[in-house]
């Protein structure tokens, strides 16, 4: 499990990371923490576990390559780019990662878990979410992406089409009884794991809980019950 530390308060985020250190696979530093605290957020959270830097880079290939090199230099375990940026952009990010002393996973975001078919239609995309996910996933992997971000609803399909080597990261995870919030394509932790997710990303069900550590431990127990 990856815990999303999306508070703008770095001390608060680091406190939770400290308490969960060694219990979870990694911590997500996303737009909220990074735009407030920059590389310091990566460095401080990184003292407590691997960092998944989720900035969803989307720009011309040259700029994404430069940004990818900076994230690689910070020692992140994984960073995100948008698969919809095209093959050349994905390739630039992958090359930047390979140039580092340690090579982070380059995770291509397919279709945001907040979007459904109607949202895609309003953007001029006639495909259903699973069709668009597969199209973008194949293109990104061919261009050098080593991981994919998708909803858990598409994991089984991607496993069939792409095999077991690609790392599949699934946000939009909601334990039974949790509010979906702004997520459109959701699944429980156990459901995502059973479908074949490599890593689940859990944020608000943990960080908004009265006792975030207890909430995280409850999800971990659910996952361990599957093994």
Foldseek 3Di string as FASTA:
>chain_A
DEEEQQDCDLVVSLVVLQVCQPPDAEYEDEDSNCVNPNLVSCVSSVVRHAYEYEDAAADPQVVLLVVLLVVLVSVHQEYEHALVSFLSNLLSSQVSQVPHPHRHAYEHEFDDQLDFCVNCVVVVHNDGSLVSSVVSVVSNVVSRGQEYEDALVNLLVCCVVPNQRRAYEHEQEDAPPGDSPSGDRHYHLLSSVVSPHNYYYDYCQQPVDPHNVVSVVVSSVSNVVVD
